[in-house]
PDB file of N, CA and C in Angstrom:
ATOM      1  N   MET A   1      92.329 113.607 119.548  1.00  0.00           N
ATOM      2  CA  MET A   1      93.355 112.765 119.136  1.00  0.00           C
ATOM      3  C   MET A   1      94.703 113.853 118.882  1.00  0.00           C
ATOM      4  N   LEU A   2      95.804 113.107 119.285  1.00  0.00           N
ATOM      5  CA  LEU A   2      97.061 113.868 119.012  1.00  0.00           C
ATOM      6  C   LEU A   2      97.796 113.069 118.172  1.00  0.00           C
ATOM      7  N   TYR A   3      98.568 113.735 117.084  1.00  0.00           N
ATOM      8  CA  TYR A   3      99.379 112.927 116.371  1.00  0.00           C
ATOM      9  C   TYR A   3     100.583 113.681 115.692  1.00  0.00           C
ATOM     10  N   GLY A   4     101.667 112.995 115.371  1.00  0.00           N
ATOM     11  CA  GLY A   4     102.720 113.387 114.843  1.00  0.00           C
ATOM     12  C   GLY A   4     102.977 113.188 113.367  1.00  0.00           C
ATOM     13  N   ASP A   5     104.139 112.864 112.812  1.00  0.00           N
ATOM     14  CA  ASP A   5     104.247 112.700 111.403  1.00  0.00           C
ATOM     15  C   ASP A   5     104.267 111.337 110.950  1.00  0.00           C
ATOM     16  N   GLY A   6     103.764 110.247 111.800  1.00  0.00           N
ATOM     17  CA  GLY A   6     103.858 108.964 111.591  1.00  0.00           C
ATOM     18  C   GLY A   6     103.152 108.277 110.534  1.00  0.00           C
ATOM     19  N   SER A   7     102.076 109.092 109.893  1.00  0.00           N
ATOM     20  CA  SER A   7     101.262 108.332 108.902  1.00  0.00           C
ATOM     21  C   SER A   7     101.324 109.350 107.691  1.00  0.00           C
ATOM     22  N   ALA A   8     101.468 108.882 106.437  1.00  0.00           N
ATOM     23  CA  ALA A   8     101.570 109.661 105.391  1.00  0.00           C
ATOM     24  C   ALA A   8     100.263 110.484 105.002  1.00  0.00           C
ATOM     25  N   HIS A   9      98.906 109.847 105.339  1.00  0.00           N
ATOM     26  CA  HIS A   9      97.906 110.530 104.899  1.00  0.00           C
ATOM     27  C   HIS A   9      97.045 110.735 106.157  1.00  0.00           C
ATOM     28  N   LEU A  10      97.776 111.071 107.219  1.00  0.00           N
ATOM     29  CA  LEU A  10      97.043 111.569 108.543  1.00  0.00           C
ATOM     30  C   LEU A  10      96.481 112.783 108.421  1.00  0.00           C
ATOM     31  N   LEU A  11      97.116 113.711 107.720  1.00  0.00           N
ATOM     32  CA  LEU A  11      96.598 115.062 107.574  1.00  0.00           C
ATOM     33  C   LEU A  11      95.213 114.982 106.706  1.00  0.00           C
ATOM     34  N   ASP A  12      95.128 114.139 105.672  1.00  0.00           N
ATOM     35  CA  ASP A  12      93.764 114.135 105.084  1.00  0.00           C
ATOM     36  C   ASP A  12      92.796 113.632 106.083  1.00  0.00           C
ATOM     37  N   ILE A  13      93.059 112.634 106.935  1.00  0.00           N
ATOM     38  CA  ILE A  13      92.131 112.086 107.603  1.00  0.00           C
ATOM     39  C   ILE A  13      91.534 113.100 108.807  1.00  0.00           C
ATOM     40  N   VAL A  14      92.376 113.882 109.399  1.00  0.00           N
ATOM     41  CA  VAL A  14      92.159 114.680 110.507  1.00  0.00           C
ATOM     42  C   VAL A  14      91.872 116.111 110.113  1.00  0.00           C
ATOM     43  N   ARG A  15      91.936 116.593 108.799  1.00  0.00           N
ATOM     44  CA  ARG A  15      91.741 117.810 108.400  1.00  0.00           C
ATOM     45  C   ARG A  15      90.710 118.589 109.010  1.00  0.00           C
ATOM     46  N   ASP A  16      89.513 118.185 109.257  1.00  0.00           N
ATOM     47  CA  ASP A  16      88.327 118.814 109.825  1.00  0.00           C
ATOM     48  C   ASP A  16      87.710 118.330 110.937  1.00  0.00           C
ATOM     49  N   SER A  17      88.539 117.379 111.604  1.00  0.00           N
ATOM     50  CA  SER A  17      87.983 116.586 112.941  1.00  0.00           C
ATOM     51  C   SER A  17      88.299 117.411 114.088  1.00  0.00           C
ATOM     52  N   GLY A  18      89.059 118.454 114.157  1.00  0.00           N
ATOM     53  CA  GLY A  18      89.516 119.064 115.424  1.00  0.00           C
ATOM     54  C   GLY A  18      90.582 118.496 116.182  1.00  0.00           C
ATOM     55  N   CYS A  19      91.351 117.692 115.460  1.00  0.00           N
ATOM     56  CA  CYS A  19      92.531 117.063 115.980  1.00  0.00           C
ATOM     57  C   CYS A  19      93.771 118.175 116.283  1.00  0.00           C
ATOM     58  N   SER A  20      94.569 117.708 117.162  1.00  0.00           N
ATOM     59  CA  SER A  20      95.798 118.684 117.172  1.00  0.00           C
ATOM     60  C   SER A  20      97.109 118.013 116.951  1.00  0.00           C
ATOM     61  N   ARG A  21      97.902 118.507 116.203  1.00  0.00           N
ATOM     62  CA  ARG A  21      99.114 118.093 115.996  1.00  0.00           C
ATOM     63  C   ARG A  21     100.252 118.468 117.018  1.00  0.00           C
ATOM     64  N   ILE A  22     101.016 117.643 117.619  1.00  0.00           N
ATOM     65  CA  ILE A  22     101.852 117.994 118.549  1.00  0.00           C
ATOM     66  C   ILE A  22     103.474 117.869 117.795  1.00  0.00           C
ATOM     67  N   GLY A  23     104.373 118.442 118.476  1.00  0.00           N
ATOM     68  CA  GLY A  23     105.702 118.598 117.958  1.00  0.00           C
ATOM     69  C   GLY A  23     106.498 117.229 118.106  1.00  0.00           C
ATOM     70  N   ALA A  24     106.037 116.230 117.329  1.00  0.00           N
ATOM     71  CA  ALA A  24     106.750 114.860 117.559  1.00  0.00           C
ATOM     72  C   ALA A  24     106.881 114.450 116.076  1.00  0.00           C
ATOM     73  N   VAL A  25     107.847 113.551 115.815  1.00  0.00           N
ATOM     74  CA  VAL A  25     107.887 113.000 114.371  1.00  0.00           C
ATOM     75  C   VAL A  25     107.063 111.866 114.330  1.00  0.00           C
ATOM     76  N   ASN A  26     106.853 111.091 115.408  1.00  0.00           N
ATOM     77  CA  ASN A  26     106.097 109.768 115.367  1.00  0.00           C
ATOM     78  C   ASN A  26     105.459 109.476 116.747  1.00  0.00           C
ATOM     79  N   CYS A  27     104.865 108.607 116.966  1.00  0.00           N
ATOM     80  CA  CYS A  27     104.343 107.993 118.139  1.00  0.00           C
ATOM     81  C   CYS A  27     105.182 107.728 119.174  1.00  0.00           C
ATOM     82  N   VAL A  28     106.437 107.029 118.662  1.00  0.00           N
ATOM     83  CA  VAL A  28     107.553 106.809 119.525  1.00  0.00           C
ATOM     84  C   VAL A  28     108.010 107.943 120.265  1.00  0.00           C
ATOM     85  N   GLN A  29     108.275 108.857 119.514  1.00  0.00           N
ATOM     86  CA  GLN A  29     108.678 110.297 120.207  1.00  0.00           C
ATOM     87  C   GLN A  29     107.654 110.822 121.085  1.00  0.00           C
ATOM     88  N   MET A  30     106.405 110.748 120.771  1.00  0.00           N
ATOM     89  CA  MET A  30     105.431 110.952 121.647  1.00  0.00           C
ATOM     90  C   MET A  30     105.400 110.509 122.988  1.00  0.00           C
ATOM     91  N   LEU A  31     105.635 109.142 122.970  1.00  0.00           N
ATOM     92  CA  LEU A  31     105.707 108.315 124.181  1.00  0.00           C
ATOM     93  C   LEU A  31     106.965 108.172 124.944  1.00  0.00           C
ATOM     94  N   THR A  32     108.003 108.494 124.349  1.00  0.00           N
ATOM     95  CA  THR A  32     109.435 108.652 125.049  1.00  0.00           C
ATOM     96  C   THR A  32     109.909 109.908 125.450  1.00  0.00           C
ATOM     97  N   GLY A  33     109.391 110.984 124.694  1.00  0.00           N
ATOM     98  CA  GLY A  33     109.957 112.450 124.770  1.00  0.00           C
ATOM     99  C   GLY A  33     111.094 112.498 123.731  1.00  0.00           C
ATOM    100  N   ARG A  34     111.495 113.832 123.607  1.00  0.00           N
ATOM    101  CA  ARG A  34     112.388 113.955 122.688  1.00  0.00           C
ATOM    102  C   ARG A  34     113.932 113.561 122.866  1.00  0.00           C
ATOM    103  N   LYS A  35     114.310 113.739 124.131  1.00  0.00           N
ATOM    104  CA  LYS A  35     115.635 113.189 124.544  1.00  0.00           C
ATOM    105  C   LYS A  35     115.752 111.802 124.446  1.00  0.00           C
ATOM    106  N   HIS A  36     114.906 110.966 124.909  1.00  0.00           N
ATOM    107  CA  HIS A  36     115.055 109.516 124.914  1.00  0.00           C
ATOM    108  C   HIS A  36     114.908 108.921 123.580  1.00  0.00           C
ATOM    109  N   TYR A  37     114.040 109.498 122.651  1.00  0.00           N
ATOM    110  CA  TYR A  37     113.858 109.177 121.422  1.00  0.00           C
ATOM    111  C   TYR A  37     115.216 109.467 120.651  1.00  0.00           C
ATOM    112  N   ARG A  38     115.953 110.561 120.788  1.00  0.00           N
ATOM    113  CA  ARG A  38     117.138 110.794 120.146  1.00  0.00           C
ATOM    114  C   ARG A  38     118.143 109.706 120.593  1.00  0.00           C
ATOM    115  N   GLU A  39     118.170 109.320 122.010  1.00  0.00           N
ATOM    116  CA  GLU A  39     119.157 108.434 122.384  1.00  0.00           C
ATOM    117  C   GLU A  39     118.742 107.171 121.769  1.00  0.00           C
ATOM    118  N   LEU A  40     117.568 106.635 121.624  1.00  0.00           N
ATOM    119  CA  LEU A  40     117.359 105.442 120.878  1.00  0.00           C
ATOM    120  C   LEU A  40     117.645 105.410 119.565  1.00  0.00           C
ATOM    121  N   MET A  41     117.489 106.467 118.736  1.00  0.00           N
ATOM    122  CA  MET A  41     117.914 106.597 117.310  1.00  0.00           C
ATOM    123  C   MET A  41     119.464 106.631 117.258  1.00  0.00           C
ATOM    124  N   LEU A  42     120.097 107.163 118.282  1.00  0.00           N
ATOM    125  CA  LEU A  42     121.620 107.160 118.044  1.00  0.00           C
ATOM    126  C   LEU A  42     122.105 105.831 118.418  1.00  0.00           C
ATOM    127  N   ALA A  43     121.480 105.041 119.208  1.00  0.00           N
ATOM    128  CA  ALA A  43     121.849 103.739 119.609  1.00  0.00           C
ATOM    129  C   ALA A  43     121.324 102.804 118.447  1.00  0.00           C
ATOM    130  N   GLU A  44     120.784 103.235 117.239  1.00  0.00           N
ATOM    131  CA  GLU A  44     120.362 102.324 116.180  1.00  0.00           C
ATOM    132  C   GLU A  44     119.304 101.297 116.559  1.00  0.00           C
ATOM    133  N   SER A  45     118.331 101.757 117.521  1.00  0.00           N
ATOM    134  CA  SER A  45     117.303 100.832 118.104  1.00  0.00           C
ATOM    135  C   SER A  45     116.079 100.836 116.996  1.00  0.00           C
ATOM    136  N   PHE A  46     115.561  99.728 116.884  1.00  0.00           N
ATOM    137  CA  PHE A  46     114.110  99.469 116.431  1.00  0.00           C
ATOM    138  C   PHE A  46     113.278  99.520 117.366  1.00  0.00           C
ATOM    139  N   VAL A  47     112.347 100.359 117.571  1.00  0.00           N
ATOM    140  CA  VAL A  47     111.429 100.573 118.677  1.00  0.00           C
ATOM    141  C   VAL A  47     110.180  99.731 118.367  1.00  0.00           C
ATOM    142  N   LEU A  48     109.837  98.695 118.959  1.00  0.00           N
ATOM    143  CA  LEU A  48     108.738  97.707 118.522  1.00  0.00           C
ATOM    144  C   LEU A  48     107.619  98.087 119.598  1.00  0.00           C
ATOM    145  N   LEU A  49     106.638  98.553 118.909  1.00  0.00           N
ATOM    146  CA  LEU A  49     105.238  98.832 119.666  1.00  0.00           C
ATOM    147  C   LEU A  49     104.296  97.808 119.480  1.00  0.00           C
ATOM    148  N   PRO A  50     103.341  97.742 120.468  1.00  0.00           N
ATOM    149  CA  PRO A  50     102.497  96.575 120.399  1.00  0.00           C
ATOM    150  C   PRO A  50     101.875  96.246 119.084  1.00  0.00           C
ATOM    151  N   GLU A  51     101.229  97.343 118.251  1.00  0.00           N
ATOM    152  CA  GLU A  51     100.701  97.126 116.835  1.00  0.00           C
ATOM    153  C   GLU A  51     101.853  96.459 116.237  1.00  0.00           C
ATOM    154  N   TRP A  52     102.848  96.633 116.113  1.00  0.00           N
ATOM    155  CA  TRP A  52     103.977  96.039 115.324  1.00  0.00           C
ATOM    156  C   TRP A  52     104.165  94.449 115.631  1.00  0.00           C
ATOM    157  N   ALA A  53     104.210  94.541 117.205  1.00  0.00           N
ATOM    158  CA  ALA A  53     104.569  93.211 117.697  1.00  0.00           C
ATOM    159  C   ALA A  53     103.426  92.193 117.355  1.00  0.00           C
ATOM    160  N   LEU A  54     102.288  92.575 117.198  1.00  0.00           N
ATOM    161  CA  LEU A  54     101.048  91.633 117.000  1.00  0.00           C
ATOM    162  C   LEU A  54     101.072  91.402 115.426  1.00  0.00           C
ATOM    163  N   ARG A  55     101.539  92.503 114.460  1.00  0.00           N
ATOM    164  CA  ARG A  55     101.321  92.222 113.160  1.00  0.00           C
ATOM    165  C   ARG A  55     102.591  92.222 112.311  1.00  0.00           C
ATOM    166  N   TRP A  56     103.748  92.043 113.103  1.00  0.00           N
ATOM    167  CA  TRP A  56     105.092  92.232 112.411  1.00  0.00           C
ATOM    168  C   TRP A  56     105.201  91.559 111.019  1.00  0.00           C
ATOM    169  N   LYS A  57     104.831  90.369 110.840  1.00  0.00           N
ATOM    170  CA  LYS A  57     104.909  89.505 109.633  1.00  0.00           C
ATOM    171  C   LYS A  57     104.037  90.290 108.500  1.00  0.00           C
ATOM    172  N   GLU A  58     102.847  90.557 108.743  1.00  0.00           N
ATOM    173  CA  GLU A  58     101.970  91.157 107.915  1.00  0.00           C
ATOM    174  C   GLU A  58     102.513  92.455 107.401  1.00  0.00           C
ATOM    175  N   ILE A  59     102.960  93.283 108.277  1.00  0.00           N
ATOM    176  CA  ILE A  59     103.527  94.735 108.032  1.00  0.00           C
ATOM    177  C   ILE A  59     104.747  94.554 107.140  1.00  0.00           C
ATOM    178  N   LEU A  60     105.686  93.632 107.480  1.00  0.00           N
ATOM    179  CA  LEU A  60     106.828  93.549 106.717  1.00  0.00           C
ATOM    180  C   LEU A  60     106.561  92.945 105.322  1.00  0.00           C
ATOM    181  N   GLN A  61     105.846  91.895 105.280  1.00  0.00           N
ATOM    182  CA  GLN A  61     105.600  91.046 104.090  1.00  0.00           C
ATOM    183  C   GLN A  61     104.502  91.794 103.112  1.00  0.00           C
ATOM    184  N   THR A  62     103.359  92.074 103.785  1.00  0.00           N
ATOM    185  CA  THR A  62     102.317  92.654 102.995  1.00  0.00           C
ATOM    186  C   THR A  62     102.260  94.145 102.857  1.00  0.00           C
ATOM    187  N   GLU A  63     102.270  94.761 103.749  1.00  0.00           N
ATOM    188  CA  GLU A  63     102.426  96.360 103.759  1.00  0.00           C
ATOM    189  C   GLU A  63     103.676  97.011 103.114  1.00  0.00           C
ATOM    190  N   LEU A  64     104.826  96.354 103.556  1.00  0.00           N
ATOM    191  CA  LEU A  64     106.211  96.872 103.030  1.00  0.00           C
ATOM    192  C   LEU A  64     106.665  95.984 101.782  1.00  0.00           C
ATOM    193  N   GLY A  65     106.210  94.802 101.616  1.00  0.00           N
ATOM    194  CA  GLY A  65     106.499  93.936 100.549  1.00  0.00           C
ATOM    195  C   GLY A  65     107.743  93.385 100.552  1.00  0.00           C
ATOM    196  N   LEU A  66     108.232  93.189 101.830  1.00  0.00           N
ATOM    197  CA  LEU A  66     109.944  92.793 101.964  1.00  0.00           C
ATOM    198  C   LEU A  66     109.870  91.195 102.159  1.00  0.00           C
ATOM    199  N   THR A  67     110.839  90.527 101.508  1.00  0.00           N
ATOM    200  CA  THR A  67     110.932  88.982 101.691  1.00  0.00           C
ATOM    201  C   THR A  67     111.663  89.097 102.945  1.00  0.00           C
ATOM    202  N   SER A  68     111.726  87.833 103.791  1.00  0.00           N
ATOM    203  CA  SER A  68     112.396  87.433 104.964  1.00  0.00           C
ATOM    204  C   SER A  68     113.881  87.960 104.783  1.00  0.00           C
ATOM    205  N   LYS A  69     114.524  87.398 103.649  1.00  0.00           N
ATOM    206  CA  LYS A  69     115.859  87.964 103.349  1.00  0.00           C
ATOM    207  C   LYS A  69     116.235  89.352 103.122  1.00  0.00           C
ATOM    208  N   ILE A  70     115.404  90.161 102.625  1.00  0.00           N
ATOM    209  CA  ILE A  70     115.683  91.794 102.406  1.00  0.00           C
ATOM    210  C   ILE A  70     115.360  92.228 103.852  1.00  0.00           C
ATOM    211  N   ALA A  71     114.203  91.812 104.504  1.00  0.00           N
ATOM    212  CA  ALA A  71     113.969  92.428 105.803  1.00  0.00           C
ATOM    213  C   ALA A  71     115.190  92.206 106.841  1.00  0.00           C
ATOM    214  N   LYS A  72     115.760  91.035 106.851  1.00  0.00           N
ATOM    215  CA  LYS A  72     116.917  90.715 107.710  1.00  0.00           C
ATOM    216  C   LYS A  72     118.062  91.585 107.458  1.00  0.00           C
ATOM    217  N   GLU A  73     118.332  91.618 106.069  1.00  0.00           N
ATOM    218  CA  GLU A  73     119.587  92.391 105.734  1.00  0.00           C
ATOM    219  C   GLU A  73     119.362  93.854 106.074  1.00  0.00           C
ATOM    220  N   LEU A  74     118.050  94.593 105.887  1.00  0.00           N
ATOM    221  CA  LEU A  74     117.693  95.896 106.158  1.00  0.00           C
ATOM    222  C   LEU A  74     117.959  96.133 107.529  1.00  0.00           C
ATOM    223  N   MET A  75     117.254  95.190 108.434  1.00  0.00           N
ATOM    224  CA  MET A  75     117.440  95.336 109.859  1.00  0.00           C
ATOM    225  C   MET A  75     118.801  95.190 110.400  1.00  0.00           C
ATOM    226  N   GLY A  76     119.468  94.241 109.812  1.00  0.00           N
ATOM    227  CA  GLY A  76     120.980  94.148 110.212  1.00  0.00           C
ATOM    228  C   GLY A  76     121.803  95.301 109.921  1.00  0.00           C
ATOM    229  N   GLU A  77     121.453  95.899 108.797  1.00  0.00           N
ATOM    230  CA  GLU A  77     122.475  97.175 108.363  1.00  0.00           C
ATOM    231  C   GLU A  77     122.142  98.251 109.114  1.00  0.00           C
ATOM    232  N   HIS A  78     120.927  98.563 109.638  1.00  0.00           N
ATOM    233  CA  HIS A  78     120.494  99.870 110.164  1.00  0.00           C
ATOM    234  C   HIS A  78     120.059  99.686 111.636  1.00  0.00           C
ATOM    235  N   GLN A  79     119.738  98.628 112.385  1.00  0.00           N
ATOM    236  CA  GLN A  79     119.510  98.601 113.593  1.00  0.00           C
ATOM    237  C   GLN A  79     120.356  97.627 114.495  1.00  0.00           C
ATOM    238  N   LYS A  80     120.679  98.038 115.643  1.00  0.00           N
ATOM    239  CA  LYS A  80     121.573  97.072 116.387  1.00  0.00           C
ATOM    240  C   LYS A  80     120.878  96.512 117.618  1.00  0.00           C
ATOM    241  N   GLU A  81     119.641  97.027 117.883  1.00  0.00           N
ATOM    242  CA  GLU A  81     118.873  96.352 118.809  1.00  0.00           C
ATOM    243  C   GLU A  81     117.490  96.602 118.584  1.00  0.00           C
ATOM    244  N   ILE A  82     116.505  95.722 119.328  1.00  0.00           N
ATOM    245  CA  ILE A  82     115.084  95.919 119.311  1.00  0.00           C
ATOM    246  C   ILE A  82     114.829  96.317 120.664  1.00  0.00           C
ATOM    247  N   VAL A  83     114.107  97.386 120.773  1.00  0.00           N
ATOM    248  CA  VAL A  83     113.374  97.873 121.993  1.00  0.00           C
ATOM    249  C   VAL A  83     111.954  97.792 122.119  1.00  0.00           C
ATOM    250  N   TYR A  84     111.370  96.747 123.110  1.00  0.00           N
ATOM    251  CA  TYR A  84     109.973  96.863 122.940  1.00  0.00           C
ATOM    252  C   TYR A  84     109.354  98.003 123.912  1.00  0.00           C
ATOM    253  N   LEU A  85     108.465  98.726 123.389  1.00  0.00           N
ATOM    254  CA  LEU A  85     107.811  99.829 124.086  1.00  0.00           C
ATOM    255  C   LEU A  85     106.400  99.256 124.625  1.00  0.00           C
ATOM    256  N   ASP A  86     106.390  99.122 125.812  1.00  0.00           N
ATOM    257  CA  ASP A  86     104.954  98.468 126.217  1.00  0.00           C
ATOM    258  C   ASP A  86     104.176  99.637 126.599  1.00  0.00           C
ATOM    259  N   THR A  87     103.072  99.803 125.842  1.00  0.00           N
ATOM    260  CA  THR A  87     102.036 100.981 125.865  1.00  0.00           C
ATOM    261  C   THR A  87     101.184 100.498 127.021  1.00  0.00           C
ATOM    262  N   GLY A  88     101.127  99.311 127.452  1.00  0.00           N
ATOM    263  CA  GLY A  88     100.043  98.696 128.303  1.00  0.00           C
ATOM    264  C   GLY A  88      98.684  98.609 127.716  1.00  0.00           C
ATOM    265  N   LEU A  89      98.639  98.905 126.397  1.00  0.00           N
ATOM    266  CA  LEU A  89      97.188  98.610 125.689  1.00  0.00           C
ATOM    267  C   LEU A  89      96.948  97.240 125.255  1.00  0.00           C
ATOM    268  N   HIS A  90      97.994  96.445 125.051  1.00  0.00           N
ATOM    269  CA  HIS A  90      97.894  95.026 124.442  1.00  0.00           C
ATOM    270  C   HIS A  90      98.650  94.178 125.339  1.00  0.00           C
ATOM    271  N   ARG A  91      98.239  92.969 125.508  1.00  0.00           N
ATOM    272  CA  ARG A  91      98.944  91.873 126.346  1.00  0.00           C
ATOM    273  C   ARG A  91      99.722  91.026 125.185  1.00  0.00           C
ATOM    274  N   ILE A  92     100.987  90.949 125.458  1.00  0.00           N
ATOM    275  CA  ILE A  92     101.871  90.037 124.611  1.00  0.00           C
ATOM    276  C   ILE A  92     102.295  88.766 125.154  1.00  0.00           C
ATOM    277  N   HIS A  93     102.099  87.702 124.522  1.00  0.00           N
ATOM    278  CA  HIS A  93     102.393  86.472 125.132  1.00  0.00           C
ATOM    279  C   HIS A  93     103.607  85.721 124.357  1.00  0.00           C
ATOM    280  N   GLY A  94     104.532  85.242 125.081  1.00  0.00           N
ATOM    281  CA  GLY A  94     105.570  84.581 124.436  1.00  0.00           C
ATOM    282  C   GLY A  94     106.457  85.305 123.681  1.00  0.00           C
ATOM    283  N   ALA A  95     107.273  84.681 122.832  1.00  0.00           N
ATOM    284  CA  ALA A  95     108.201  85.158 122.030  1.00  0.00           C
ATOM    285  C   ALA A  95     107.551  86.048 120.759  1.00  0.00           C
ATOM    286  N   ILE A  96     107.960  87.241 120.501  1.00  0.00           N
ATOM    287  CA  ILE A  96     107.440  87.913 119.608  1.00  0.00           C
ATOM    288  C   ILE A  96     108.053  87.628 118.153  1.00  0.00           C
ATOM    289  N   ILE A  97     109.194  87.688 118.099  1.00  0.00           N
ATOM    290  CA  ILE A  97     109.801  87.498 116.715  1.00  0.00           C
ATOM    291  C   ILE A  97     110.799  86.028 116.925  1.00  0.00           C
ATOM    292  N   PRO A  98     110.405  85.149 116.229  1.00  0.00           N
ATOM    293  CA  PRO A  98     111.232  83.885 116.186  1.00  0.00           C
ATOM    294  C   PRO A  98     112.664  84.299 115.621  1.00  0.00           C
ATOM    295  N   CYS A  99     113.856  83.723 116.172  1.00  0.00           N
ATOM    296  CA  CYS A  99     115.100  83.941 115.830  1.00  0.00           C
ATOM    297  C   CYS A  99     115.800  82.858 114.718  1.00  0.00           C
TER     298      CYS A  99
END
């Protein structure tokens, strides 16, 4: 298993498991590379991975505790576009996020 800094408790999980940390801040940077990741961040892109696409409502409301209004304001202030990064691991059907 390779990992970056994407999870707060990952070090505890992998401490004695023989995992290797690579020089990436998160899984998006691991998948896109440093240069393209920097371009995405400078463009104020919200990178949507399959995990988020399948569970976005649960993640925003349950795990992050955001109301719809606060989530819209937060995303509107800090993100200019949504980029879906297809890893090929999940098949996504139809619209991901209703407008």
